[in-house]
Structure formats: C-alpha cells, structure tokens
Amino acid sequence: MKNVKVLLGIVVIIGILAGAVWQFYLKNQMEYARIATAYGAKQVCSCRFIGEREMQSCRQDFTDNISALTITQHDETITATAPLGLAKGSARYTPELGCSLVK
C-alpha cells in the first residue's frame, strides 16, 4: 500500500511538471511553429510562382531558424510543415491575385 502512495505521488508530481512545461514553454513554441509555417509557405509561394524561381533556390532564402520546415509543392499550392507535423501552413497561387494563405 505504501508503494502505491509513493507511485501516485510521483505521477502527480510528473503531471504538475508536465503542465508547467506546457504552459510556460511549449505553448509559446506551438505559436511560433504556426507563424513560421504560414510565413514559410507564403514566402516560398511568392518566390516560386511570382518570382518564377526553382524550389531549391527559394529554400536558400531562409535563415537557419526556418530551414527545419519541410516545404512541398502540389500544383499551385505550397505547404510548409514543422518538425513532427506539429504545425502546418499552406499558401495558394492565384493568377492575377498572387499568393495567399489557405486555412
């Protein structure tokens, strides 16, 4: 019975620590990932379709902070995905209107 109480106490402490880490660190990181993927998709879309450059050339425009994104093209849509698929952003090219973010 004593072992169960000790184990339960450890589980509660780990849960509190996990909640604190989420609240004060990971929550902000998720917001940064959402912003970075949207930014990356829009920039590459503009570079690729408006600037008429190759995908590899467009990827070289980014700093190391955004180079971790996986950027793919499907037809006239560019999608940027954060590591582990935590966030995703897409931008679509429309002739005469340019690139815009897709929800």
PDB file of N, CA and C in Angstrom:
ATOM      1  N   MET A   1       0.824  -1.200   0.000  1.00  0.00           N
ATOM      2  CA  MET A   1       0.000   0.000   0.000  1.00  0.00           C
ATOM      3  C   MET A   1       0.866   1.262   0.000  1.00  0.00           C
ATOM      4  N   LYS A   2       1.972   1.204   0.721  1.00  0.00           N
ATOM      5  CA  LYS A   2       2.868   2.353   0.784  1.00  0.00           C
ATOM      6  C   LYS A   2       3.476   2.619  -0.603  1.00  0.00           C
ATOM      7  N   ASN A   3       3.805   1.562  -1.348  1.00  0.00           N
ATOM      8  CA  ASN A   3       4.371   1.722  -2.690  1.00  0.00           C
ATOM      9  C   ASN A   3       3.376   2.392  -3.636  1.00  0.00           C
ATOM     10  N   VAL A   4       2.108   2.077  -3.481  1.00  0.00           N
ATOM     11  CA  VAL A   4       1.078   2.676  -4.329  1.00  0.00           C
ATOM     12  C   VAL A   4       0.996   4.179  -4.064  1.00  0.00           C
ATOM     13  N   LYS A   5       1.061   4.590  -2.805  1.00  0.00           N
ATOM     14  CA  LYS A   5       1.013   6.012  -2.463  1.00  0.00           C
ATOM     15  C   LYS A   5       2.231   6.748  -3.010  1.00  0.00           C
ATOM     16  N   VAL A   6       3.390   6.126  -2.919  1.00  0.00           N
ATOM     17  CA  VAL A   6       4.609   6.743  -3.442  1.00  0.00           C
ATOM     18  C   VAL A   6       4.502   6.880  -4.964  1.00  0.00           C
ATOM     19  N   LEU A   7       4.038   5.837  -5.631  1.00  0.00           N
ATOM     20  CA  LEU A   7       3.879   5.871  -7.079  1.00  0.00           C
ATOM     21  C   LEU A   7       2.856   6.931  -7.494  1.00  0.00           C
ATOM     22  N   LEU A   8       1.759   7.008  -6.768  1.00  0.00           N
ATOM     23  CA  LEU A   8       0.741   8.013  -7.046  1.00  0.00           C
ATOM     24  C   LEU A   8       1.313   9.424  -6.862  1.00  0.00           C
ATOM     25  N   GLY A   9       2.109   9.635  -5.843  1.00  0.00           N
ATOM     26  CA  GLY A   9       2.748  10.930  -5.610  1.00  0.00           C
ATOM     27  C   GLY A   9       3.689  11.300  -6.745  1.00  0.00           C
ATOM     28  N   ILE A  10       4.445  10.331  -7.225  1.00  0.00           N
ATOM     29  CA  ILE A  10       5.363  10.580  -8.334  1.00  0.00           C
ATOM     30  C   ILE A  10       4.590  10.946  -9.595  1.00  0.00           C
ATOM     31  N   VAL A  11       3.496  10.236  -9.861  1.00  0.00           N
ATOM     32  CA  VAL A  11       2.674  10.521 -11.039  1.00  0.00           C
ATOM     33  C   VAL A  11       2.094  11.928 -10.957  1.00  0.00           C
ATOM     34  N   VAL A  12       1.640  12.338  -9.782  1.00  0.00           N
ATOM     35  CA  VAL A  12       1.079  13.685  -9.606  1.00  0.00           C
ATOM     36  C   VAL A  12       2.157  14.739  -9.839  1.00  0.00           C
ATOM     37  N   ILE A  13       3.352  14.529  -9.302  1.00  0.00           N
ATOM     38  CA  ILE A  13       4.448  15.485  -9.480  1.00  0.00           C
ATOM     39  C   ILE A  13       4.839  15.586 -10.947  1.00  0.00           C
ATOM     40  N   ILE A  14       4.923  14.460 -11.643  1.00  0.00           N
ATOM     41  CA  ILE A  14       5.249  14.481 -13.069  1.00  0.00           C
ATOM     42  C   ILE A  14       4.159  15.208 -13.853  1.00  0.00           C
ATOM     43  N   GLY A  15       2.902  15.001 -13.496  1.00  0.00           N
ATOM     44  CA  GLY A  15       1.802  15.697 -14.161  1.00  0.00           C
ATOM     45  C   GLY A  15       1.879  17.204 -13.964  1.00  0.00           C
ATOM     46  N   ILE A  16       2.198  17.637 -12.764  1.00  0.00           N
ATOM     47  CA  ILE A  16       2.329  19.076 -12.478  1.00  0.00           C
ATOM     48  C   ILE A  16       3.494  19.665 -13.269  1.00  0.00           C
ATOM     49  N   LEU A  17       4.623  18.969 -13.310  1.00  0.00           N
ATOM     50  CA  LEU A  17       5.780  19.449 -14.067  1.00  0.00           C
ATOM     51  C   LEU A  17       5.471  19.508 -15.567  1.00  0.00           C
ATOM     52  N   ALA A  18       4.775  18.488 -16.078  1.00  0.00           N
ATOM     53  CA  ALA A  18       4.410  18.484 -17.496  1.00  0.00           C
ATOM     54  C   ALA A  18       3.485  19.658 -17.815  1.00  0.00           C
ATOM     55  N   GLY A  19       2.534  19.935 -16.936  1.00  0.00           N
ATOM     56  CA  GLY A  19       1.637  21.072 -17.129  1.00  0.00           C
ATOM     57  C   GLY A  19       2.387  22.393 -17.123  1.00  0.00           C
ATOM     58  N   ALA A  20       3.357  22.529 -16.228  1.00  0.00           N
ATOM     59  CA  ALA A  20       4.150  23.755 -16.159  1.00  0.00           C
ATOM     60  C   ALA A  20       4.999  23.930 -17.414  1.00  0.00           C
ATOM     61  N   VAL A  21       5.603  22.849 -17.881  1.00  0.00           N
ATOM     62  CA  VAL A  21       6.406  22.922 -19.105  1.00  0.00           C
ATOM     63  C   VAL A  21       5.526  23.328 -20.277  1.00  0.00           C
ATOM     64  N   TRP A  22       4.331  22.748 -20.378  1.00  0.00           N
ATOM     65  CA  TRP A  22       3.415  23.116 -21.458  1.00  0.00           C
ATOM     66  C   TRP A  22       3.040  24.592 -21.377  1.00  0.00           C
ATOM     67  N   GLN A  23       2.654  25.045 -20.201  1.00  0.00           N
ATOM     68  CA  GLN A  23       2.168  26.409 -20.028  1.00  0.00           C
ATOM     69  C   GLN A  23       3.244  27.450 -20.308  1.00  0.00           C
ATOM     70  N   PHE A  24       4.457  27.207 -19.838  1.00  0.00           N
ATOM     71  CA  PHE A  24       5.478  28.250 -19.900  1.00  0.00           C
ATOM     72  C   PHE A  24       6.476  28.091 -21.033  1.00  0.00           C
ATOM     73  N   TYR A  25       6.500  26.942 -21.723  1.00  0.00           N
ATOM     74  CA  TYR A  25       7.463  26.780 -22.802  1.00  0.00           C
ATOM     75  C   TYR A  25       6.826  26.277 -24.096  1.00  0.00           C
ATOM     76  N   LEU A  26       6.228  25.118 -24.074  1.00  0.00           N
ATOM     77  CA  LEU A  26       5.735  24.501 -25.300  1.00  0.00           C
ATOM     78  C   LEU A  26       4.569  25.245 -25.928  1.00  0.00           C
ATOM     79  N   LYS A  27       3.733  25.853 -25.115  1.00  0.00           N
ATOM     80  CA  LYS A  27       2.595  26.603 -25.645  1.00  0.00           C
ATOM     81  C   LYS A  27       3.085  27.720 -26.572  1.00  0.00           C
ATOM     82  N   ASN A  28       4.115  28.437 -26.139  1.00  0.00           N
ATOM     83  CA  ASN A  28       4.682  29.501 -26.971  1.00  0.00           C
ATOM     84  C   ASN A  28       5.356  28.930 -28.211  1.00  0.00           C
ATOM     85  N   GLN A  29       6.014  27.796 -28.067  1.00  0.00           N
ATOM     86  CA  GLN A  29       6.684  27.182 -29.200  1.00  0.00           C
ATOM     87  C   GLN A  29       5.683  26.765 -30.273  1.00  0.00           C
ATOM     88  N   MET A  30       4.526  26.313 -29.866  1.00  0.00           N
ATOM     89  CA  MET A  30       3.489  25.942 -30.840  1.00  0.00           C
ATOM     90  C   MET A  30       3.034  27.172 -31.631  1.00  0.00           C
ATOM     91  N   GLU A  31       2.896  28.299 -30.970  1.00  0.00           N
ATOM     92  CA  GLU A  31       2.510  29.530 -31.661  1.00  0.00           C
ATOM     93  C   GLU A  31       3.587  29.945 -32.652  1.00  0.00           C
ATOM     94  N   TYR A  32       4.852  29.856 -32.249  1.00  0.00           N
ATOM     95  CA  TYR A  32       5.950  30.174 -33.161  1.00  0.00           C
ATOM     96  C   TYR A  32       5.937  29.237 -34.363  1.00  0.00           C
ATOM     97  N   ALA A  33       5.643  27.964 -34.143  1.00  0.00           N
ATOM     98  CA  ALA A  33       5.606  26.991 -35.238  1.00  0.00           C
ATOM     99  C   ALA A  33       4.482  27.331 -36.213  1.00  0.00           C
ATOM    100  N   ARG A  34       3.330  27.734 -35.716  1.00  0.00           N
ATOM    101  CA  ARG A  34       2.216  28.114 -36.600  1.00  0.00           C
ATOM    102  C   ARG A  34       2.564  29.338 -37.435  1.00  0.00           C
ATOM    103  N   ILE A  35       3.200  30.306 -36.810  1.00  0.00           N
ATOM    104  CA  ILE A  35       3.597  31.518 -37.529  1.00  0.00           C
ATOM    105  C   ILE A  35       4.678  31.200 -38.558  1.00  0.00           C
ATOM    106  N   ALA A  36       5.657  30.396 -38.163  1.00  0.00           N
ATOM    107  CA  ALA A  36       6.767  30.068 -39.065  1.00  0.00           C
ATOM    108  C   ALA A  36       6.288  29.287 -40.279  1.00  0.00           C
ATOM    109  N   THR A  37       5.366  28.348 -40.094  1.00  0.00           N
ATOM    110  CA  THR A  37       4.890  27.572 -41.242  1.00  0.00           C
ATOM    111  C   THR A  37       4.080  28.447 -42.197  1.00  0.00           C
ATOM    112  N   ALA A  38       3.255  29.330 -41.664  1.00  0.00           N
ATOM    113  CA  ALA A  38       2.480  30.229 -42.527  1.00  0.00           C
ATOM    114  C   ALA A  38       3.422  31.171 -43.288  1.00  0.00           C
ATOM    115  N   TYR A  39       4.396  31.718 -42.581  1.00  0.00           N
ATOM    116  CA  TYR A  39       5.376  32.615 -43.203  1.00  0.00           C
ATOM    117  C   TYR A  39       6.165  31.884 -44.289  1.00  0.00           C
ATOM    118  N   GLY A  40       6.633  30.690 -43.972  1.00  0.00           N
ATOM    119  CA  GLY A  40       7.418  29.918 -44.929  1.00  0.00           C
ATOM    120  C   GLY A  40       6.626  29.575 -46.175  1.00  0.00           C
ATOM    121  N   ALA A  41       5.389  29.149 -45.996  1.00  0.00           N
ATOM    122  CA  ALA A  41       4.550  28.801 -47.144  1.00  0.00           C
ATOM    123  C   ALA A  41       4.306  30.017 -48.032  1.00  0.00           C
ATOM    124  N   LYS A  42       3.986  31.141 -47.440  1.00  0.00           N
ATOM    125  CA  LYS A  42       3.708  32.362 -48.213  1.00  0.00           C
ATOM    126  C   LYS A  42       4.951  32.848 -48.947  1.00  0.00           C
ATOM    127  N   GLN A  43       6.088  32.856 -48.279  1.00  0.00           N
ATOM    128  CA  GLN A  43       7.316  33.332 -48.902  1.00  0.00           C
ATOM    129  C   GLN A  43       7.738  32.438 -50.061  1.00  0.00           C
ATOM    130  N   VAL A  44       7.680  31.128 -49.863  1.00  0.00           N
ATOM    131  CA  VAL A  44       8.074  30.211 -50.930  1.00  0.00           C
ATOM    132  C   VAL A  44       7.078  30.282 -52.088  1.00  0.00           C
ATOM    133  N   CYS A  45       5.801  30.420 -51.786  1.00  0.00           N
ATOM    134  CA  CYS A  45       4.788  30.549 -52.835  1.00  0.00           C
ATOM    135  C   CYS A  45       5.089  31.782 -53.702  1.00  0.00           C
ATOM    136  N   SER A  46       5.355  32.906 -53.072  1.00  0.00           N
ATOM    137  CA  SER A  46       5.661  34.129 -53.821  1.00  0.00           C
ATOM    138  C   SER A  46       6.947  33.966 -54.619  1.00  0.00           C
ATOM    139  N   CYS A  47       7.955  33.378 -54.010  1.00  0.00           N
ATOM    140  CA  CYS A  47       9.230  33.162 -54.690  1.00  0.00           C
ATOM    141  C   CYS A  47       9.057  32.235 -55.879  1.00  0.00           C
ATOM    142  N   ARG A  48       8.317  31.169 -55.676  1.00  0.00           N
ATOM    143  CA  ARG A  48       8.172  30.115 -56.694  1.00  0.00           C
ATOM    144  C   ARG A  48       7.314  30.569 -57.873  1.00  0.00           C
ATOM    145  N   PHE A  49       6.161  31.163 -57.603  1.00  0.00           N
ATOM    146  CA  PHE A  49       5.225  31.460 -58.679  1.00  0.00           C
ATOM    147  C   PHE A  49       5.315  32.903 -59.189  1.00  0.00           C
ATOM    148  N   ILE A  50       5.561  33.855 -58.320  1.00  0.00           N
ATOM    149  CA  ILE A  50       5.662  35.244 -58.770  1.00  0.00           C
ATOM    150  C   ILE A  50       7.084  35.532 -59.247  1.00  0.00           C
ATOM    151  N   GLY A  51       8.076  35.054 -58.464  1.00  0.00           N
ATOM    152  CA  GLY A  51       9.468  35.243 -58.856  1.00  0.00           C
ATOM    153  C   GLY A  51       9.947  34.245 -59.898  1.00  0.00           C
ATOM    154  N   GLU A  52       9.139  33.217 -60.145  1.00  0.00           N
ATOM    155  CA  GLU A  52       9.429  32.172 -61.130  1.00  0.00           C
ATOM    156  C   GLU A  52      10.800  31.535 -60.903  1.00  0.00           C
ATOM    157  N   ARG A  53      11.119  31.253 -59.632  1.00  0.00           N
ATOM    158  CA  ARG A  53      12.381  30.600 -59.287  1.00  0.00           C
ATOM    159  C   ARG A  53      12.124  29.139 -58.950  1.00  0.00           C
ATOM    160  N   GLU A  54      13.182  28.356 -58.962  1.00  0.00           N
ATOM    161  CA  GLU A  54      13.087  26.941 -58.604  1.00  0.00           C
ATOM    162  C   GLU A  54      12.908  26.802 -57.094  1.00  0.00           C
ATOM    163  N   MET A  55      12.303  25.694 -56.676  1.00  0.00           N
ATOM    164  CA  MET A  55      12.026  25.450 -55.257  1.00  0.00           C
ATOM    165  C   MET A  55      13.311  25.493 -54.420  1.00  0.00           C
ATOM    166  N   GLN A  56      14.367  24.865 -54.891  1.00  0.00           N
ATOM    167  CA  GLN A  56      15.619  24.835 -54.128  1.00  0.00           C
ATOM    168  C   GLN A  56      16.195  26.238 -53.958  1.00  0.00           C
ATOM    169  N   SER A  57      16.067  27.053 -54.971  1.00  0.00           N
ATOM    170  CA  SER A  57      16.531  28.434 -54.890  1.00  0.00           C
ATOM    171  C   SER A  57      15.728  29.214 -53.846  1.00  0.00           C
ATOM    172  N   CYS A  58      14.435  28.957 -53.776  1.00  0.00           N
ATOM    173  CA  CYS A  58      13.578  29.644 -52.802  1.00  0.00           C
ATOM    174  C   CYS A  58      13.918  29.228 -51.373  1.00  0.00           C
ATOM    175  N   ARG A  59      14.226  27.957 -51.164  1.00  0.00           N
ATOM    176  CA  ARG A  59      14.564  27.467 -49.822  1.00  0.00           C
ATOM    177  C   ARG A  59      15.839  28.107 -49.293  1.00  0.00           C
ATOM    178  N   GLN A  60      16.744  28.502 -50.179  1.00  0.00           N
ATOM    179  CA  GLN A  60      18.011  29.094 -49.750  1.00  0.00           C
ATOM    180  C   GLN A  60      17.841  30.502 -49.204  1.00  0.00           C
ATOM    181  N   ASP A  61      16.692  31.109 -49.403  1.00  0.00           N
ATOM    182  CA  ASP A  61      16.432  32.456 -48.893  1.00  0.00           C
ATOM    183  C   ASP A  61      16.259  32.488 -47.374  1.00  0.00           C
ATOM    184  N   PHE A  62      15.973  31.338 -46.764  1.00  0.00           N
ATOM    185  CA  PHE A  62      15.650  31.293 -45.343  1.00  0.00           C
ATOM    186  C   PHE A  62      16.891  31.188 -44.473  1.00  0.00           C
ATOM    187  N   THR A  63      16.743  31.677 -43.252  1.00  0.00           N
ATOM    188  CA  THR A  63      17.801  31.528 -42.257  1.00  0.00           C
ATOM    189  C   THR A  63      17.718  30.133 -41.643  1.00  0.00           C
ATOM    190  N   ASP A  64      18.640  29.819 -40.763  1.00  0.00           N
ATOM    191  CA  ASP A  64      18.647  28.510 -40.120  1.00  0.00           C
ATOM    192  C   ASP A  64      17.399  28.271 -39.287  1.00  0.00           C
ATOM    193  N   ASN A  65      16.783  29.318 -38.777  1.00  0.00           N
ATOM    194  CA  ASN A  65      15.620  29.157 -37.918  1.00  0.00           C
ATOM    195  C   ASN A  65      14.420  28.554 -38.647  1.00  0.00           C
ATOM    196  N   ILE A  66      14.313  28.775 -39.928  1.00  0.00           N
ATOM    197  CA  ILE A  66      13.171  28.280 -40.676  1.00  0.00           C
ATOM    198  C   ILE A  66      13.561  27.106 -41.569  1.00  0.00           C
ATOM    199  N   SER A  67      14.834  26.818 -41.666  1.00  0.00           N
ATOM    200  CA  SER A  67      15.269  25.740 -42.553  1.00  0.00           C
ATOM    201  C   SER A  67      14.810  24.366 -42.066  1.00  0.00           C
ATOM    202  N   ALA A  68      14.315  24.260 -40.839  1.00  0.00           N
ATOM    203  CA  ALA A  68      13.822  22.981 -40.325  1.00  0.00           C
ATOM    204  C   ALA A  68      12.460  22.615 -40.906  1.00  0.00           C
ATOM    205  N   LEU A  69      11.798  23.552 -41.555  1.00  0.00           N
ATOM    206  CA  LEU A  69      10.481  23.277 -42.137  1.00  0.00           C
ATOM    207  C   LEU A  69      10.603  22.374 -43.358  1.00  0.00           C
ATOM    208  N   THR A  70       9.628  21.508 -43.515  1.00  0.00           N
ATOM    209  CA  THR A  70       9.518  20.703 -44.722  1.00  0.00           C
ATOM    210  C   THR A  70       8.565  21.431 -45.660  1.00  0.00           C
ATOM    211  N   ILE A  71       9.051  21.785 -46.837  1.00  0.00           N
ATOM    212  CA  ILE A  71       8.240  22.558 -47.776  1.00  0.00           C
ATOM    213  C   ILE A  71       7.987  21.719 -49.021  1.00  0.00           C
ATOM    214  N   THR A  72       6.698  21.585 -49.368  1.00  0.00           N
ATOM    215  CA  THR A  72       6.312  20.786 -50.522  1.00  0.00           C
ATOM    216  C   THR A  72       5.400  21.598 -51.436  1.00  0.00           C
ATOM    217  N   GLN A  73       5.366  21.185 -52.695  1.00  0.00           N
ATOM    218  CA  GLN A  73       4.512  21.842 -53.681  1.00  0.00           C
ATOM    219  C   GLN A  73       3.569  20.816 -54.277  1.00  0.00           C
ATOM    220  N   HIS A  74       2.306  21.191 -54.356  1.00  0.00           N
ATOM    221  CA  HIS A  74       1.311  20.362 -55.028  1.00  0.00           C
ATOM    222  C   HIS A  74       0.492  21.291 -55.911  1.00  0.00           C
ATOM    223  N   ASP A  75       0.632  21.130 -57.207  1.00  0.00           N
ATOM    224  CA  ASP A  75       0.019  22.035 -58.185  1.00  0.00           C
ATOM    225  C   ASP A  75       0.463  23.456 -57.890  1.00  0.00           C
ATOM    226  N   GLU A  76      -0.462  24.357 -57.572  1.00  0.00           N
ATOM    227  CA  GLU A  76      -0.099  25.747 -57.279  1.00  0.00           C
ATOM    228  C   GLU A  76      -0.248  26.067 -55.797  1.00  0.00           C
ATOM    229  N   THR A  77      -0.057  25.067 -54.960  1.00  0.00           N
ATOM    230  CA  THR A  77      -0.132  25.243 -53.507  1.00  0.00           C
ATOM    231  C   THR A  77       1.190  24.824 -52.878  1.00  0.00           C
ATOM    232  N   ILE A  78       1.693  25.656 -51.992  1.00  0.00           N
ATOM    233  CA  ILE A  78       2.916  25.368 -51.236  1.00  0.00           C
ATOM    234  C   ILE A  78       2.500  25.099 -49.802  1.00  0.00           C
ATOM    235  N   THR A  79       3.020  24.010 -49.235  1.00  0.00           N
ATOM    236  CA  THR A  79       2.728  23.655 -47.850  1.00  0.00           C
ATOM    237  C   THR A  79       4.027  23.558 -47.065  1.00  0.00           C
ATOM    238  N   ALA A  80       4.060  24.203 -45.911  1.00  0.00           N
ATOM    239  CA  ALA A  80       5.208  24.132 -45.009  1.00  0.00           C
ATOM    240  C   ALA A  80       4.761  23.401 -43.744  1.00  0.00           C
ATOM    241  N   THR A  81       5.562  22.430 -43.315  1.00  0.00           N
ATOM    242  CA  THR A  81       5.234  21.632 -42.147  1.00  0.00           C
ATOM    243  C   THR A  81       6.374  21.705 -41.146  1.00  0.00           C
ATOM    244  N   ALA A  82       6.037  21.918 -39.885  1.00  0.00           N
ATOM    245  CA  ALA A  82       7.034  21.952 -38.814  1.00  0.00           C
ATOM    246  C   ALA A  82       7.482  20.531 -38.489  1.00  0.00           C
ATOM    247  N   PRO A  83       8.646  20.394 -37.858  1.00  0.00           N
ATOM    248  CA  PRO A  83       9.109  19.061 -37.471  1.00  0.00           C
ATOM    249  C   PRO A  83       8.053  18.320 -36.649  1.00  0.00           C
ATOM    250  N   LEU A  84       7.953  17.040 -36.864  1.00  0.00           N
ATOM    251  CA  LEU A  84       6.992  16.157 -36.201  1.00  0.00           C
ATOM    252  C   LEU A  84       5.549  16.477 -36.572  1.00  0.00           C
ATOM    253  N   GLY A  85       5.335  17.316 -37.573  1.00  0.00           N
ATOM    254  CA  GLY A  85       3.987  17.645 -38.006  1.00  0.00           C
ATOM    255  C   GLY A  85       3.195  18.457 -36.995  1.00  0.00           C
ATOM    256  N   LEU A  86       3.888  19.189 -36.123  1.00  0.00           N
ATOM    257  CA  LEU A  86       3.204  19.945 -35.069  1.00  0.00           C
ATOM    258  C   LEU A  86       2.379  21.105 -35.610  1.00  0.00           C
ATOM    259  N   ALA A  87       2.779  21.664 -36.736  1.00  0.00           N
ATOM    260  CA  ALA A  87       2.033  22.781 -37.323  1.00  0.00           C
ATOM    261  C   ALA A  87       2.190  22.713 -38.833  1.00  0.00           C
ATOM    262  N   LYS A  88       1.203  23.240 -39.538  1.00  0.00           N
ATOM    263  CA  LYS A  88       1.226  23.209 -40.997  1.00  0.00           C
ATOM    264  C   LYS A  88       0.622  24.497 -41.519  1.00  0.00           C
ATOM    265  N   GLY A  89       1.231  25.054 -42.560  1.00  0.00           N
ATOM    266  CA  GLY A  89       0.713  26.249 -43.207  1.00  0.00           C
ATOM    267  C   GLY A  89       0.753  26.071 -44.708  1.00  0.00           C
ATOM    268  N   SER A  90      -0.242  26.589 -45.403  1.00  0.00           N
ATOM    269  CA  SER A  90      -0.302  26.464 -46.858  1.00  0.00           C
ATOM    270  C   SER A  90      -0.624  27.807 -47.485  1.00  0.00           C
ATOM    271  N   ALA A  91      -0.071  28.011 -48.677  1.00  0.00           N
ATOM    272  CA  ALA A  91      -0.355  29.211 -49.464  1.00  0.00           C
ATOM    273  C   ALA A  91      -0.629  28.770 -50.894  1.00  0.00           C
ATOM    274  N   ARG A  92      -1.616  29.393 -51.512  1.00  0.00           N
ATOM    275  CA  ARG A  92      -2.026  29.039 -52.874  1.00  0.00           C
ATOM    276  C   ARG A  92      -1.817  30.234 -53.799  1.00  0.00           C
ATOM    277  N   TYR A  93      -1.302  29.939 -54.977  1.00  0.00           N
ATOM    278  CA  TYR A  93      -1.117  30.965 -56.000  1.00  0.00           C
ATOM    279  C   TYR A  93      -2.365  31.054 -56.869  1.00  0.00           C
ATOM    280  N   THR A  94      -2.854  32.261 -57.047  1.00  0.00           N
ATOM    281  CA  THR A  94      -3.977  32.517 -57.941  1.00  0.00           C
ATOM    282  C   THR A  94      -3.501  33.535 -58.969  1.00  0.00           C
ATOM    283  N   PRO A  95      -3.560  33.192 -60.256  1.00  0.00           N
ATOM    284  CA  PRO A  95      -3.122  34.145 -61.278  1.00  0.00           C
ATOM    285  C   PRO A  95      -3.834  35.492 -61.119  1.00  0.00           C
ATOM    286  N   GLU A  96      -3.101  36.554 -61.331  1.00  0.00           N
ATOM    287  CA  GLU A  96      -3.560  37.935 -61.245  1.00  0.00           C
ATOM    288  C   GLU A  96      -3.824  38.407 -59.815  1.00  0.00           C
ATOM    289  N   LEU A  97      -3.821  37.498 -58.820  1.00  0.00           N
ATOM    290  CA  LEU A  97      -4.016  37.900 -57.429  1.00  0.00           C
ATOM    291  C   LEU A  97      -2.788  37.639 -56.574  1.00  0.00           C
ATOM    292  N   GLY A  98      -1.959  36.704 -56.975  1.00  0.00           N
ATOM    293  CA  GLY A  98      -0.748  36.370 -56.212  1.00  0.00           C
ATOM    294  C   GLY A  98      -0.971  35.232 -55.244  1.00  0.00           C
ATOM    295  N   CYS A  99      -0.157  35.191 -54.195  1.00  0.00           N
ATOM    296  CA  CYS A  99      -0.211  34.111 -53.211  1.00  0.00           C
ATOM    297  C   CYS A  99      -0.960  34.573 -51.969  1.00  0.00           C
ATOM    298  N   SER A 100      -1.764  33.666 -51.439  1.00  0.00           N
ATOM    299  CA  SER A 100      -2.475  33.957 -50.196  1.00  0.00           C
ATOM    300  C   SER A 100      -2.512  32.701 -49.335  1.00  0.00           C
ATOM    301  N   LEU A 101      -2.584  32.905 -48.029  1.00  0.00           N
ATOM    302  CA  LEU A 101      -2.624  31.768 -47.114  1.00  0.00           C
ATOM    303  C   LEU A 101      -3.952  31.036 -47.222  1.00  0.00           C
ATOM    304  N   VAL A 102      -3.875  29.740 -47.067  1.00  0.00           N
ATOM    305  CA  VAL A 102      -5.056  28.884 -47.107  1.00  0.00           C
ATOM    306  C   VAL A 102      -5.281  28.363 -45.711  1.00  0.00           C
ATOM    307  N   LYS A 103      -6.513  28.350 -45.290  1.00  0.00           N
ATOM    308  CA  LYS A 103      -6.819  27.871 -43.941  1.00  0.00           C
ATOM    309  C   LYS A 103      -6.684  26.377 -43.836  1.00  0.00           C
TER     310      LYS A 103
END
